[in-house]
């Protein structure tokens, strides 16, 4: 009974960390639940990606591919509360600052600057265009599910490789350090496995694109911040997902 309760809390931790689905009304989750739930991150991502893919393919016949893709991106933003888009904008603004201390301050400010707005615009444009291109290709739903699963595995790799940059902790601290180390490793493996199972060798290209995004974000965060923050982890989700979608287009 206790194991079942822990499993449910871990699953709720994964859903609550990655989406705005109100699971907290039924189960109160904490950092330990998020750490244990890391193994389920790719499953949550695959579910979101499958819905996005279904919207694109379902509406493509009635609307243009670009309109269908735009509505699919809107659905993702609704499900996630645009938390990863917000994290990308905050990270871009912060990493453009002159010092580590100022960068961390900027990333907590509610306003969006020029760097953040530009990063946000470019990401949404590229993601929408990629989804529109995927809609016309084979295995569209499988491709989006694989890309989103890998995108949600990205913060697990970053949290494993880098410490948390804020001494007072934060929303992403549960994914760094020794907490949930086994769950993080299993989650990364699950994300890779889902992509390869869904797309075969084509899935390897998506894994490579995701790894590239993680490496770039990690190197920049290490150099500028000395580690990761919740915003950096969220930005990695967004960038890894978008690059994985681009890889899916390139390998059609």
Protein backbone atom coordinates (compact mmCIF):
# COMPACT_ATOMS: atom_id res chain seq x y z
CA UNK A 1 0.00 0.00 0.00
CA UNK A 2 2.84 2.35 0.85
CA UNK A 3 4.62 1.52 -2.42
CA UNK A 4 1.44 2.27 -4.37
CA UNK A 5 1.04 5.60 -2.58
CA UNK A 6 4.69 6.51 -3.29
CA UNK A 7 4.19 5.60 -6.95
CA UNK A 8 1.10 7.77 -7.24
CA UNK A 9 2.86 10.67 -5.55
CA UNK A 10 5.84 10.29 -7.90
CA UNK A 11 3.56 10.29 -10.94
CA UNK A 12 1.75 13.34 -9.58
CA UNK A 13 5.13 14.99 -9.02
CA UNK A 14 6.07 14.49 -12.67
CA UNK A 15 2.76 15.83 -13.95
CA UNK A 16 2.72 18.83 -11.61
CA UNK A 17 6.33 19.76 -12.45
CA UNK A 18 5.84 19.62 -16.23
CA UNK A 19 2.25 20.78 -16.68
CA UNK A 20 -0.45 22.88 -15.14
CA UNK A 21 -2.85 19.96 -14.81
CA UNK A 22 -4.21 20.39 -11.25
CA UNK A 23 -3.12 17.05 -9.78
CA UNK A 24 -2.14 18.87 -6.59
CA UNK A 25 -5.80 19.15 -5.67
CA UNK A 26 -5.91 15.38 -5.19
CA UNK A 27 -2.32 14.68 -4.09
CA UNK A 28 -0.03 17.12 -2.29
CA UNK A 29 3.45 16.67 -3.78
CA UNK A 30 6.87 17.90 -2.67
CA UNK A 31 10.45 17.97 -3.98
CA UNK A 32 11.05 14.31 -3.12
CA UNK A 33 8.03 13.31 -5.18
CA UNK A 34 9.35 15.31 -8.14
CA UNK A 35 12.76 13.63 -7.80
CA UNK A 36 11.20 10.16 -7.69
CA UNK A 37 8.84 11.06 -10.53
CA UNK A 38 11.71 11.97 -12.86
CA UNK A 39 11.46 8.52 -14.42
CA UNK A 40 7.98 9.45 -15.68
CA UNK A 41 9.01 12.77 -17.28
CA UNK A 42 9.36 11.26 -20.79
CA UNK A 43 5.98 9.55 -20.44
CA UNK A 44 4.32 12.87 -19.60
CA UNK A 45 6.14 14.44 -22.55
CA UNK A 46 5.09 11.63 -24.89
CA UNK A 47 1.47 12.12 -23.86
CA UNK A 48 1.61 15.85 -24.56
CA UNK A 49 3.43 15.24 -27.83
CA UNK A 50 0.88 12.67 -28.96
CA UNK A 51 -1.96 15.16 -28.35
CA UNK A 52 -0.05 17.85 -30.24
CA UNK A 53 0.54 15.43 -33.12
CA UNK A 54 -3.12 14.41 -33.22
CA UNK A 55 -4.19 18.05 -33.40
CA UNK A 56 -1.78 18.75 -36.25
CA UNK A 57 -2.75 15.71 -38.29
CA UNK A 58 -6.45 15.98 -37.48
CA UNK A 59 -6.76 19.62 -38.49
CA UNK A 60 -4.35 19.51 -41.41
CA UNK A 61 -7.06 18.15 -43.72
CA UNK A 62 -9.52 20.94 -42.79
CA UNK A 63 -7.09 23.83 -42.34
CA UNK A 64 -3.66 24.67 -43.67
CA UNK A 65 -0.74 22.86 -42.06
CA UNK A 66 0.58 26.13 -40.61
CA UNK A 67 -2.74 26.99 -38.92
CA UNK A 68 -3.03 23.43 -37.58
CA UNK A 69 0.51 23.64 -36.20
CA UNK A 70 -0.20 27.01 -34.59
CA UNK A 71 -3.23 25.59 -32.82
CA UNK A 72 -1.18 22.58 -31.70
CA UNK A 73 1.44 24.89 -30.16
CA UNK A 74 -1.38 26.76 -28.42
CA UNK A 75 -2.65 23.46 -26.99
CA UNK A 76 0.79 22.66 -25.62
CA UNK A 77 1.01 26.11 -24.03
CA UNK A 78 -2.39 25.56 -22.44
CA UNK A 79 -1.45 22.17 -21.00
CA UNK A 80 1.90 23.34 -19.67
CA UNK A 81 0.87 26.84 -18.65
CA UNK A 82 3.65 28.01 -21.02
CA UNK A 83 6.10 27.36 -18.18
CA UNK A 84 8.90 26.25 -20.49
CA UNK A 85 8.38 29.17 -22.84
CA UNK A 86 8.55 31.50 -19.84
CA UNK A 87 11.70 29.75 -18.65
CA UNK A 88 13.32 30.15 -22.06
CA UNK A 89 12.58 33.88 -22.10
CA UNK A 90 13.87 34.36 -18.54
CA UNK A 91 17.03 32.37 -19.27
CA UNK A 92 17.78 34.32 -22.44
CA UNK A 93 17.40 37.62 -20.60
CA UNK A 94 19.48 36.45 -17.64
CA UNK A 95 22.31 34.94 -19.65
CA UNK A 96 22.70 38.23 -21.47
CA UNK A 97 23.60 40.00 -18.21
CA UNK A 98 27.10 41.15 -17.34
CA UNK A 99 27.59 39.11 -14.16
CA UNK A 100 26.38 35.91 -12.52
CA UNK A 101 24.66 37.78 -9.70
CA UNK A 102 22.83 40.10 -12.08
CA UNK A 103 21.84 37.17 -14.30
CA UNK A 104 20.20 35.38 -11.37
CA UNK A 105 18.38 38.58 -10.41
CA UNK A 106 17.07 39.16 -13.93
CA UNK A 107 15.81 35.59 -14.20
CA UNK A 108 13.53 36.22 -11.23
CA UNK A 109 12.07 39.42 -12.65
CA UNK A 110 8.56 39.12 -14.14
CA UNK A 111 9.29 41.32 -17.17
CA UNK A 112 10.67 40.10 -20.51
CA UNK A 113 13.52 41.94 -22.20
CA UNK A 114 14.78 42.02 -25.76
CA UNK A 115 16.83 38.80 -25.48
CA UNK A 116 13.91 36.93 -23.96
CA UNK A 117 11.38 38.19 -26.49
CA UNK A 118 13.67 37.30 -29.39
CA UNK A 119 14.37 33.80 -28.07
CA UNK A 120 10.67 33.23 -27.45
CA UNK A 121 9.67 34.41 -30.93
CA UNK A 122 12.30 32.35 -32.71
CA UNK A 123 11.47 29.21 -30.76
CA UNK A 124 7.72 29.44 -31.39
CA UNK A 125 8.25 30.18 -35.10
CA UNK A 126 10.64 27.27 -35.60
CA UNK A 127 8.49 24.87 -33.57
CA UNK A 128 5.33 25.84 -35.45
CA UNK A 129 7.05 25.50 -38.82
CA UNK A 130 8.49 22.11 -37.84
CA UNK A 131 5.09 20.81 -36.74
CA UNK A 132 3.55 22.04 -39.98
CA UNK A 133 6.19 20.13 -41.95
CA UNK A 134 5.77 17.00 -39.82
CA UNK A 135 2.00 17.01 -40.47
CA UNK A 136 2.65 16.23 -44.13
CA UNK A 137 5.08 13.41 -43.41
CA UNK A 138 4.80 9.82 -42.22
CA UNK A 139 4.43 8.85 -38.57
CA UNK A 140 3.54 12.39 -37.53
CA UNK A 141 2.05 11.47 -34.15
CA UNK A 142 4.92 9.12 -33.33
CA UNK A 143 7.44 11.80 -34.29
CA UNK A 144 5.88 14.46 -32.07
CA UNK A 145 5.51 12.01 -29.17
CA UNK A 146 9.18 11.03 -29.50
CA UNK A 147 10.35 14.66 -29.68
CA UNK A 148 8.36 15.69 -26.63
CA UNK A 149 9.48 12.64 -24.66
CA UNK A 150 13.12 13.49 -25.35
CA UNK A 151 12.51 17.14 -24.51
CA UNK A 152 11.26 16.17 -21.05
CA UNK A 153 14.32 13.99 -20.52
CA UNK A 154 16.62 16.96 -21.18
CA UNK A 155 16.37 18.54 -17.69
CA UNK A 156 17.16 15.17 -16.12
CA UNK A 157 20.52 15.07 -17.91
CA UNK A 158 21.29 18.70 -17.02
CA UNK A 159 20.35 18.18 -13.39
CA UNK A 160 22.59 15.14 -13.25
CA UNK A 161 25.57 16.95 -14.77
CA UNK A 162 25.39 20.35 -13.04
CA UNK A 163 24.72 21.66 -9.52
CA UNK A 164 21.95 24.08 -8.64
CA UNK A 165 23.16 27.66 -9.06
CA UNK A 166 21.05 29.28 -6.34
CA UNK A 167 22.22 28.65 -2.76
CA UNK A 168 18.67 29.07 -1.47
CA UNK A 169 17.32 26.38 -3.79
CA UNK A 170 14.39 26.72 -6.14
CA UNK A 171 11.81 24.90 -8.22
CA UNK A 172 14.36 22.77 -10.07
CA UNK A 173 16.61 21.86 -7.16
CA UNK A 174 14.87 18.51 -6.79
CA UNK A 175 16.44 17.39 -10.07
CA UNK A 176 20.04 18.15 -9.07
CA UNK A 177 22.46 16.51 -6.67
CA UNK A 178 21.92 13.01 -5.38
CA UNK A 179 18.15 13.27 -5.03
CA UNK A 180 16.37 10.86 -7.36
CA UNK A 181 19.58 9.83 -9.12
CA UNK A 182 18.23 6.42 -10.13
CA UNK A 183 14.95 7.92 -11.32
CA UNK A 184 16.82 10.48 -13.43
CA UNK A 185 18.96 7.79 -15.05
CA UNK A 186 15.92 5.64 -15.78
CA UNK A 187 14.06 8.65 -17.12
CA UNK A 188 16.85 9.51 -19.55
CA UNK A 189 16.97 5.89 -20.71
CA UNK A 190 13.19 5.80 -21.10
CA UNK A 191 13.20 8.95 -23.22
CA UNK A 192 15.81 7.49 -25.55
CA UNK A 193 14.01 4.14 -25.64
CA UNK A 194 10.67 5.72 -26.52
CA UNK A 195 12.19 7.69 -29.39
CA UNK A 196 13.96 4.68 -30.88
CA UNK A 197 10.96 2.41 -30.37
CA UNK A 198 8.67 4.92 -32.08
CA UNK A 199 10.89 5.84 -35.03
CA UNK A 200 13.66 3.25 -35.27
CA UNK A 201 16.93 4.63 -36.63
CA UNK A 202 15.18 7.91 -37.33
CA UNK A 203 14.78 8.24 -33.57
CA UNK A 204 18.57 8.25 -33.17
CA UNK A 205 18.68 11.57 -35.03
CA UNK A 206 16.19 13.01 -32.55
CA UNK A 207 18.32 11.75 -29.67
CA UNK A 208 21.34 13.45 -31.23
CA UNK A 209 19.48 16.75 -31.60
CA UNK A 210 18.36 16.56 -27.98
CA UNK A 211 21.88 15.81 -26.79
CA UNK A 212 23.16 18.81 -28.73
CA UNK A 213 20.58 21.09 -27.10
CA UNK A 214 21.45 19.77 -23.64
CA UNK A 215 25.17 20.22 -24.27
CA UNK A 216 24.79 23.82 -25.45
CA UNK A 217 22.48 24.82 -22.62
CA UNK A 218 24.71 23.06 -20.10
CA UNK A 219 27.92 24.70 -21.31
CA UNK A 220 26.38 28.17 -21.31
CA UNK A 221 24.78 27.69 -17.89
CA UNK A 222 28.00 26.36 -16.39
CA UNK A 223 30.02 29.24 -17.75
CA UNK A 224 27.57 32.04 -16.92
CA UNK A 225 25.87 30.73 -13.76
CA UNK A 226 28.04 27.92 -12.42
CA UNK A 227 25.08 25.55 -12.60
CA UNK A 228 21.40 25.34 -13.44
CA UNK A 229 18.23 27.00 -12.19
CA UNK A 230 14.59 26.13 -12.66
CA UNK A 231 14.51 28.50 -15.64
CA UNK A 232 17.54 26.85 -17.23
CA UNK A 233 15.98 23.42 -16.82
CA UNK A 234 12.73 24.68 -18.36
CA UNK A 235 14.61 26.29 -21.22
CA UNK A 236 16.32 22.97 -21.91
CA UNK A 237 12.92 21.32 -22.25
CA UNK A 238 11.81 23.88 -24.80
CA UNK A 239 15.00 23.97 -26.87
CA UNK A 240 15.48 20.19 -26.85
CA UNK A 241 11.88 19.62 -27.96
CA UNK A 242 12.13 22.14 -30.78
CA UNK A 243 15.45 20.78 -32.05
CA UNK A 244 14.10 17.23 -31.87
CA UNK A 245 11.14 18.32 -34.01
CA UNK A 246 13.55 19.90 -36.51
CA UNK A 247 15.45 16.60 -36.63
CA UNK A 248 12.17 14.79 -37.26
CA UNK A 249 11.56 17.07 -40.25
CA UNK A 250 15.09 16.58 -41.57
CA UNK A 251 14.78 12.77 -41.46
CA UNK A 252 11.34 12.39 -43.05
